[in-house]
Amino acid sequence: MAWIRTIPPAAADGVLKRVYDAALERAGKIWNVISIQSLRPETVEASTDLYLEVMQSPRSPLSRAQREMIATAVSRVNRCGY
């Protein structure tokens, strides 16, 4: 298994602390997909913003359930655990 250095929540500050705090508020935890980007806080912030826009924007013609079903199907085809 690969090992990636991450910044733990207790050591986060600035942009990363804001991203971690928002992740905790949304999900109650910080998922690996967030923490593995922690060495590049601006990148994880942009990645999270894109995810939220794609998956939760009220401007989408698709329902949240439809978007989740598409994401699940794509993950299954790609054999991705997420």
PDB file of N, CA and C in Angstrom:
ATOM      1  N   MET A   1       0.837  -1.182   0.000  1.00  0.00           N
ATOM      2  CA  MET A   1       0.000   0.000   0.000  1.00  0.00           C
ATOM      3  C   MET A   1       0.878   1.240   0.000  1.00  0.00           C
ATOM      4  N   ALA A   2       0.472   2.243  -0.754  1.00  0.00           N
ATOM      5  CA  ALA A   2       1.228   3.479  -0.836  1.00  0.00           C
ATOM      6  C   ALA A   2       1.097   4.284   0.458  1.00  0.00           C
ATOM      7  N   TRP A   3       2.099   5.073   0.736  1.00  0.00           N
ATOM      8  CA  TRP A   3       2.068   5.947   1.897  1.00  0.00           C
ATOM      9  C   TRP A   3       2.243   7.380   1.420  1.00  0.00           C
ATOM     10  N   ILE A   4       1.367   8.244   1.827  1.00  0.00           N
ATOM     11  CA  ILE A   4       1.408   9.645   1.436  1.00  0.00           C
ATOM     12  C   ILE A   4       1.434  10.483   2.705  1.00  0.00           C
ATOM     13  N   ARG A   5       2.410  11.380   2.808  1.00  0.00           N
ATOM     14  CA  ARG A   5       2.492  12.262   3.978  1.00  0.00           C
ATOM     15  C   ARG A   5       1.322  13.236   3.935  1.00  0.00           C
ATOM     16  N   THR A   6       0.686  13.411   5.067  1.00  0.00           N
ATOM     17  CA  THR A   6      -0.450  14.335   5.169  1.00  0.00           C
ATOM     18  C   THR A   6      -0.249  15.246   6.375  1.00  0.00           C
ATOM     19  N   ILE A   7      -1.004  16.314   6.380  1.00  0.00           N
ATOM     20  CA  ILE A   7      -1.004  17.225   7.528  1.00  0.00           C
ATOM     21  C   ILE A   7      -2.236  16.884   8.362  1.00  0.00           C
ATOM     22  N   PRO A   8      -2.049  16.479   9.620  1.00  0.00           N
ATOM     23  CA  PRO A   8      -3.202  16.139  10.457  1.00  0.00           C
ATOM     24  C   PRO A   8      -4.010  17.387  10.826  1.00  0.00           C
ATOM     25  N   PRO A   9      -5.279  17.212  11.147  1.00  0.00           N
ATOM     26  CA  PRO A   9      -6.137  18.353  11.487  1.00  0.00           C
ATOM     27  C   PRO A   9      -5.566  19.251  12.583  1.00  0.00           C
ATOM     28  N   ALA A  10      -4.944  18.677  13.577  1.00  0.00           N
ATOM     29  CA  ALA A  10      -4.407  19.482  14.684  1.00  0.00           C
ATOM     30  C   ALA A  10      -3.278  20.411  14.235  1.00  0.00           C
ATOM     31  N   ALA A  11      -2.618  20.095  13.131  1.00  0.00           N
ATOM     32  CA  ALA A  11      -1.507  20.907  12.644  1.00  0.00           C
ATOM     33  C   ALA A  11      -1.917  21.838  11.497  1.00  0.00           C
ATOM     34  N   ALA A  12      -3.157  21.769  11.090  1.00  0.00           N
ATOM     35  CA  ALA A  12      -3.622  22.574   9.959  1.00  0.00           C
ATOM     36  C   ALA A  12      -3.809  24.029  10.362  1.00  0.00           C
ATOM     37  N   ASP A  13      -3.500  24.916   9.426  1.00  0.00           N
ATOM     38  CA  ASP A  13      -3.787  26.331   9.639  1.00  0.00           C
ATOM     39  C   ASP A  13      -4.173  26.955   8.292  1.00  0.00           C
ATOM     40  N   GLY A  14      -4.624  28.191   8.322  1.00  0.00           N
ATOM     41  CA  GLY A  14      -4.955  28.912   7.106  1.00  0.00           C
ATOM     42  C   GLY A  14      -6.009  28.212   6.257  1.00  0.00           C
ATOM     43  N   VAL A  15      -5.718  28.114   4.962  1.00  0.00           N
ATOM     44  CA  VAL A  15      -6.651  27.516   3.999  1.00  0.00           C
ATOM     45  C   VAL A  15      -6.959  26.076   4.372  1.00  0.00           C
ATOM     46  N   LEU A  16      -5.938  25.317   4.753  1.00  0.00           N
ATOM     47  CA  LEU A  16      -6.162  23.902   5.073  1.00  0.00           C
ATOM     48  C   LEU A  16      -7.072  23.749   6.285  1.00  0.00           C
ATOM     49  N   LYS A  17      -6.890  24.563   7.298  1.00  0.00           N
ATOM     50  CA  LYS A  17      -7.767  24.493   8.462  1.00  0.00           C
ATOM     51  C   LYS A  17      -9.207  24.783   8.056  1.00  0.00           C
ATOM     52  N   ARG A  18      -9.398  25.774   7.192  1.00  0.00           N
ATOM     53  CA  ARG A  18     -10.739  26.111   6.711  1.00  0.00           C
ATOM     54  C   ARG A  18     -11.352  24.931   5.943  1.00  0.00           C
ATOM     55  N   VAL A  19     -10.552  24.278   5.104  1.00  0.00           N
ATOM     56  CA  VAL A  19     -11.033  23.115   4.340  1.00  0.00           C
ATOM     57  C   VAL A  19     -11.374  21.969   5.284  1.00  0.00           C
ATOM     58  N   TYR A  20     -10.488  21.680   6.227  1.00  0.00           N
ATOM     59  CA  TYR A  20     -10.745  20.608   7.195  1.00  0.00           C
ATOM     60  C   TYR A  20     -11.997  20.902   8.030  1.00  0.00           C
ATOM     61  N   ASP A  21     -12.116  22.113   8.511  1.00  0.00           N
ATOM     62  CA  ASP A  21     -13.287  22.471   9.320  1.00  0.00           C
ATOM     63  C   ASP A  21     -14.580  22.305   8.524  1.00  0.00           C
ATOM     64  N   ALA A  22     -14.561  22.727   7.264  1.00  0.00           N
ATOM     65  CA  ALA A  22     -15.751  22.582   6.411  1.00  0.00           C
ATOM     66  C   ALA A  22     -16.059  21.111   6.160  1.00  0.00           C
ATOM     67  N   ALA A  23     -15.019  20.304   5.970  1.00  0.00           N
ATOM     68  CA  ALA A  23     -15.217  18.864   5.753  1.00  0.00           C
ATOM     69  C   ALA A  23     -15.840  18.221   6.991  1.00  0.00           C
ATOM     70  N   LEU A  24     -15.353  18.584   8.156  1.00  0.00           N
ATOM     71  CA  LEU A  24     -15.921  18.055   9.398  1.00  0.00           C
ATOM     72  C   LEU A  24     -17.380  18.473   9.560  1.00  0.00           C
ATOM     73  N   GLU A  25     -17.679  19.697   9.193  1.00  0.00           N
ATOM     74  CA  GLU A  25     -19.054  20.194   9.284  1.00  0.00           C
ATOM     75  C   GLU A  25     -19.984  19.425   8.340  1.00  0.00           C
ATOM     76  N   ARG A  26     -19.498  19.168   7.110  1.00  0.00           N
ATOM     77  CA  ARG A  26     -20.308  18.468   6.107  1.00  0.00           C
ATOM     78  C   ARG A  26     -20.484  16.989   6.407  1.00  0.00           C
ATOM     79  N   ALA A  27     -19.379  16.327   6.740  1.00  0.00           N
ATOM     80  CA  ALA A  27     -19.389  14.862   6.789  1.00  0.00           C
ATOM     81  C   ALA A  27     -19.098  14.269   8.159  1.00  0.00           C
ATOM     82  N   GLY A  28     -18.696  15.103   9.104  1.00  0.00           N
ATOM     83  CA  GLY A  28     -18.371  14.576  10.424  1.00  0.00           C
ATOM     84  C   GLY A  28     -16.996  13.931  10.498  1.00  0.00           C
ATOM     85  N   LYS A  29     -16.268  13.950   9.392  1.00  0.00           N
ATOM     86  CA  LYS A  29     -14.915  13.393   9.347  1.00  0.00           C
ATOM     87  C   LYS A  29     -14.187  13.989   8.160  1.00  0.00           C
ATOM     88  N   ILE A  30     -12.894  13.754   8.106  1.00  0.00           N
ATOM     89  CA  ILE A  30     -12.088  14.195   6.974  1.00  0.00           C
ATOM     90  C   ILE A  30     -11.735  12.943   6.179  1.00  0.00           C
ATOM     91  N   TRP A  31     -12.328  12.830   5.001  1.00  0.00           N
ATOM     92  CA  TRP A  31     -12.102  11.662   4.152  1.00  0.00           C
ATOM     93  C   TRP A  31     -10.679  11.683   3.596  1.00  0.00           C
ATOM     94  N   ASN A  32     -10.152  10.491   3.285  1.00  0.00           N
ATOM     95  CA  ASN A  32      -8.793  10.382   2.737  1.00  0.00           C
ATOM     96  C   ASN A  32      -8.594  11.221   1.486  1.00  0.00           C
ATOM     97  N   VAL A  33      -9.606  11.322   0.641  1.00  0.00           N
ATOM     98  CA  VAL A  33      -9.477  12.092  -0.595  1.00  0.00           C
ATOM     99  C   VAL A  33      -9.163  13.564  -0.297  1.00  0.00           C
ATOM    100  N   ILE A  34      -9.550  14.033   0.868  1.00  0.00           N
ATOM    101  CA  ILE A  34      -9.212  15.398   1.304  1.00  0.00           C
ATOM    102  C   ILE A  34      -7.814  15.421   1.916  1.00  0.00           C
ATOM    103  N   SER A  35      -7.554  14.540   2.859  1.00  0.00           N
ATOM    104  CA  SER A  35      -6.274  14.599   3.589  1.00  0.00           C
ATOM    105  C   SER A  35      -5.065  14.308   2.702  1.00  0.00           C
ATOM    106  N   ILE A  36      -5.223  13.489   1.658  1.00  0.00           N
ATOM    107  CA  ILE A  36      -4.049  13.208   0.819  1.00  0.00           C
ATOM    108  C   ILE A  36      -3.625  14.420  -0.008  1.00  0.00           C
ATOM    109  N   GLN A  37      -4.469  15.422  -0.074  1.00  0.00           N
ATOM    110  CA  GLN A  37      -4.126  16.655  -0.786  1.00  0.00           C
ATOM    111  C   GLN A  37      -3.647  17.757   0.159  1.00  0.00           C
ATOM    112  N   SER A  38      -3.475  17.427   1.428  1.00  0.00           N
ATOM    113  CA  SER A  38      -3.232  18.447   2.448  1.00  0.00           C
ATOM    114  C   SER A  38      -1.933  19.222   2.280  1.00  0.00           C
ATOM    115  N   LEU A  39      -0.963  18.674   1.589  1.00  0.00           N
ATOM    116  CA  LEU A  39       0.286  19.414   1.379  1.00  0.00           C
ATOM    117  C   LEU A  39       0.101  20.551   0.382  1.00  0.00           C
ATOM    118  N   ARG A  40      -1.009  20.539  -0.336  1.00  0.00           N
ATOM    119  CA  ARG A  40      -1.330  21.596  -1.305  1.00  0.00           C
ATOM    120  C   ARG A  40      -2.703  22.168  -0.974  1.00  0.00           C
ATOM    121  N   PRO A  41      -2.824  22.980   0.068  1.00  0.00           N
ATOM    122  CA  PRO A  41      -4.122  23.470   0.526  1.00  0.00           C
ATOM    123  C   PRO A  41      -4.954  24.166  -0.550  1.00  0.00           C
ATOM    124  N   GLU A  42      -4.327  24.958  -1.404  1.00  0.00           N
ATOM    125  CA  GLU A  42      -5.096  25.641  -2.444  1.00  0.00           C
ATOM    126  C   GLU A  42      -5.680  24.647  -3.438  1.00  0.00           C
ATOM    127  N   THR A  43      -4.949  23.551  -3.676  1.00  0.00           N
ATOM    128  CA  THR A  43      -5.435  22.513  -4.583  1.00  0.00           C
ATOM    129  C   THR A  43      -6.619  21.773  -3.975  1.00  0.00           C
ATOM    130  N   VAL A  44      -6.527  21.403  -2.710  1.00  0.00           N
ATOM    131  CA  VAL A  44      -7.642  20.699  -2.070  1.00  0.00           C
ATOM    132  C   VAL A  44      -8.864  21.607  -1.966  1.00  0.00           C
ATOM    133  N   GLU A  45      -8.640  22.900  -1.759  1.00  0.00           N
ATOM    134  CA  GLU A  45      -9.761  23.832  -1.708  1.00  0.00           C
ATOM    135  C   GLU A  45     -10.462  23.899  -3.072  1.00  0.00           C
ATOM    136  N   ALA A  46      -9.683  24.011  -4.146  1.00  0.00           N
ATOM    137  CA  ALA A  46     -10.264  24.058  -5.496  1.00  0.00           C
ATOM    138  C   ALA A  46     -10.954  22.740  -5.834  1.00  0.00           C
ATOM    139  N   SER A  47     -10.341  21.627  -5.457  1.00  0.00           N
ATOM    140  CA  SER A  47     -10.925  20.310  -5.717  1.00  0.00           C
ATOM    141  C   SER A  47     -12.257  20.143  -4.985  1.00  0.00           C
ATOM    142  N   THR A  48     -12.295  20.589  -3.750  1.00  0.00           N
ATOM    143  CA  THR A  48     -13.525  20.505  -2.955  1.00  0.00           C
ATOM    144  C   THR A  48     -14.604  21.409  -3.533  1.00  0.00           C
ATOM    145  N   ASP A  49     -14.221  22.615  -3.936  1.00  0.00           N
ATOM    146  CA  ASP A  49     -15.189  23.530  -4.554  1.00  0.00           C
ATOM    147  C   ASP A  49     -15.784  22.927  -5.819  1.00  0.00           C
ATOM    148  N   LEU A  50     -14.941  22.297  -6.648  1.00  0.00           N
ATOM    149  CA  LEU A  50     -15.433  21.664  -7.877  1.00  0.00           C
ATOM    150  C   LEU A  50     -16.390  20.522  -7.543  1.00  0.00           C
ATOM    151  N   TYR A  51     -16.003  19.666  -6.593  1.00  0.00           N
ATOM    152  CA  TYR A  51     -16.871  18.558  -6.187  1.00  0.00           C
ATOM    153  C   TYR A  51     -18.236  19.071  -5.720  1.00  0.00           C
ATOM    154  N   LEU A  52     -18.225  20.078  -4.876  1.00  0.00           N
ATOM    155  CA  LEU A  52     -19.484  20.613  -4.345  1.00  0.00           C
ATOM    156  C   LEU A  52     -20.344  21.218  -5.455  1.00  0.00           C
ATOM    157  N   GLU A  53     -19.715  21.884  -6.403  1.00  0.00           N
ATOM    158  CA  GLU A  53     -20.463  22.464  -7.519  1.00  0.00           C
ATOM    159  C   GLU A  53     -21.092  21.366  -8.378  1.00  0.00           C
ATOM    160  N   VAL A  54     -20.328  20.331  -8.664  1.00  0.00           N
ATOM    161  CA  VAL A  54     -20.834  19.236  -9.505  1.00  0.00           C
ATOM    162  C   VAL A  54     -21.907  18.429  -8.783  1.00  0.00           C
ATOM    163  N   MET A  55     -21.679  18.126  -7.520  1.00  0.00           N
ATOM    164  CA  MET A  55     -22.565  17.197  -6.810  1.00  0.00           C
ATOM    165  C   MET A  55     -23.711  17.864  -6.052  1.00  0.00           C
ATOM    166  N   GLN A  56     -23.573  19.131  -5.666  1.00  0.00           N
ATOM    167  CA  GLN A  56     -24.595  19.718  -4.805  1.00  0.00           C
ATOM    168  C   GLN A  56     -25.224  21.007  -5.327  1.00  0.00           C
ATOM    169  N   SER A  57     -24.801  21.480  -6.477  1.00  0.00           N
ATOM    170  CA  SER A  57     -25.332  22.748  -6.974  1.00  0.00           C
ATOM    171  C   SER A  57     -26.829  22.638  -7.281  1.00  0.00           C
ATOM    172  N   PRO A  58     -27.621  23.577  -6.789  1.00  0.00           N
ATOM    173  CA  PRO A  58     -29.051  23.572  -7.103  1.00  0.00           C
ATOM    174  C   PRO A  58     -29.331  23.961  -8.555  1.00  0.00           C
ATOM    175  N   ARG A  59     -28.311  24.444  -9.262  1.00  0.00           N
ATOM    176  CA  ARG A  59     -28.501  24.843 -10.661  1.00  0.00           C
ATOM    177  C   ARG A  59     -28.468  23.655 -11.626  1.00  0.00           C
ATOM    178  N   SER A  60     -28.107  22.475 -11.170  1.00  0.00           N
ATOM    179  CA  SER A  60     -28.025  21.306 -12.044  1.00  0.00           C
ATOM    180  C   SER A  60     -29.418  20.821 -12.440  1.00  0.00           C
ATOM    181  N   PRO A  61     -29.574  20.381 -13.684  1.00  0.00           N
ATOM    182  CA  PRO A  61     -30.864  19.810 -14.087  1.00  0.00           C
ATOM    183  C   PRO A  61     -31.084  18.416 -13.500  1.00  0.00           C
ATOM    184  N   LEU A  62     -30.030  17.824 -12.947  1.00  0.00           N
ATOM    185  CA  LEU A  62     -30.141  16.496 -12.332  1.00  0.00           C
ATOM    186  C   LEU A  62     -30.376  16.626 -10.835  1.00  0.00           C
ATOM    187  N   SER A  63     -31.103  15.693 -10.287  1.00  0.00           N
ATOM    188  CA  SER A  63     -31.295  15.673  -8.835  1.00  0.00           C
ATOM    189  C   SER A  63     -30.010  15.193  -8.163  1.00  0.00           C
ATOM    190  N   ARG A  64     -29.909  15.430  -6.889  1.00  0.00           N
ATOM    191  CA  ARG A  64     -28.741  14.946  -6.138  1.00  0.00           C
ATOM    192  C   ARG A  64     -28.663  13.422  -6.224  1.00  0.00           C
ATOM    193  N   ALA A  65     -29.811  12.753  -6.135  1.00  0.00           N
ATOM    194  CA  ALA A  65     -29.844  11.291  -6.228  1.00  0.00           C
ATOM    195  C   ALA A  65     -29.329  10.815  -7.588  1.00  0.00           C
ATOM    196  N   GLN A  66     -29.719  11.493  -8.656  1.00  0.00           N
ATOM    197  CA  GLN A  66     -29.243  11.116  -9.989  1.00  0.00           C
ATOM    198  C   GLN A  66     -27.733  11.293 -10.106  1.00  0.00           C
ATOM    199  N   ARG A  67     -27.218  12.399  -9.567  1.00  0.00           N
ATOM    200  CA  ARG A  67     -25.774  12.630  -9.611  1.00  0.00           C
ATOM    201  C   ARG A  67     -25.026  11.567  -8.809  1.00  0.00           C
ATOM    202  N   GLU A  68     -25.562  11.195  -7.656  1.00  0.00           N
ATOM    203  CA  GLU A  68     -24.932  10.150  -6.840  1.00  0.00           C
ATOM    204  C   GLU A  68     -24.968   8.800  -7.558  1.00  0.00           C
ATOM    205  N   MET A  69     -26.071   8.506  -8.242  1.00  0.00           N
ATOM    206  CA  MET A  69     -26.162   7.243  -8.991  1.00  0.00           C
ATOM    207  C   MET A  69     -25.127   7.211 -10.114  1.00  0.00           C
ATOM    208  N   ILE A  70     -24.939   8.315 -10.808  1.00  0.00           N
ATOM    209  CA  ILE A  70     -23.939   8.381 -11.873  1.00  0.00           C
ATOM    210  C   ILE A  70     -22.543   8.185 -11.287  1.00  0.00           C
ATOM    211  N   ALA A  71     -22.260   8.867 -10.193  1.00  0.00           N
ATOM    212  CA  ALA A  71     -20.951   8.730  -9.548  1.00  0.00           C
ATOM    213  C   ALA A  71     -20.704   7.298  -9.093  1.00  0.00           C
ATOM    214  N   THR A  72     -21.724   6.660  -8.560  1.00  0.00           N
ATOM    215  CA  THR A  72     -21.599   5.267  -8.111  1.00  0.00           C
ATOM    216  C   THR A  72     -21.333   4.340  -9.289  1.00  0.00           C
ATOM    217  N   ALA A  73     -22.063   4.530 -10.382  1.00  0.00           N
ATOM    218  CA  ALA A  73     -21.876   3.692 -11.568  1.00  0.00           C
ATOM    219  C   ALA A  73     -20.471   3.862 -12.147  1.00  0.00           C
ATOM    220  N   VAL A  74     -19.997   5.091 -12.225  1.00  0.00           N
ATOM    221  CA  VAL A  74     -18.654   5.345 -12.753  1.00  0.00           C
ATOM    222  C   VAL A  74     -17.606   4.721 -11.838  1.00  0.00           C
ATOM    223  N   SER A  75     -17.775   4.868 -10.531  1.00  0.00           N
ATOM    224  CA  SER A  75     -16.823   4.259  -9.585  1.00  0.00           C
ATOM    225  C   SER A  75     -16.807   2.741  -9.727  1.00  0.00           C
ATOM    226  N   ARG A  76     -17.974   2.162  -9.900  1.00  0.00           N
ATOM    227  CA  ARG A  76     -18.062   0.697 -10.062  1.00  0.00           C
ATOM    228  C   ARG A  76     -17.315   0.245 -11.316  1.00  0.00           C
ATOM    229  N   VAL A  77     -17.561   0.928 -12.439  1.00  0.00           N
ATOM    230  CA  VAL A  77     -16.891   0.584 -13.692  1.00  0.00           C
ATOM    231  C   VAL A  77     -15.369   0.716 -13.542  1.00  0.00           C
ATOM    232  N   ASN A  78     -14.929   1.735 -12.810  1.00  0.00           N
ATOM    233  CA  ASN A  78     -13.509   1.976 -12.602  1.00  0.00           C
ATOM    234  C   ASN A  78     -12.919   1.179 -11.442  1.00  0.00           C
ATOM    235  N   ARG A  79     -13.757   0.369 -10.799  1.00  0.00           N
ATOM    236  CA  ARG A  79     -13.335  -0.446  -9.643  1.00  0.00           C
ATOM    237  C   ARG A  79     -12.719   0.430  -8.542  1.00  0.00           C
ATOM    238  N   CYS A  80     -13.382   1.541  -8.297  1.00  0.00           N
ATOM    239  CA  CYS A  80     -12.950   2.499  -7.277  1.00  0.00           C
ATOM    240  C   CYS A  80     -13.809   2.335  -6.028  1.00  0.00           C
ATOM    241  N   GLY A  81     -13.196   2.244  -4.884  1.00  0.00           N
ATOM    242  CA  GLY A  81     -13.917   2.083  -3.629  1.00  0.00           C
ATOM    243  C   GLY A  81     -14.668   3.318  -3.180  1.00  0.00           C
ATOM    244  N   TYR A  82     -14.382   4.453  -3.778  1.00  0.00           N
ATOM    245  CA  TYR A  82     -15.080   5.676  -3.415  1.00  0.00           C
ATOM    246  C   TYR A  82     -16.327   5.776  -4.234  1.00  0.00           C
TER     247      TYR A  82
END
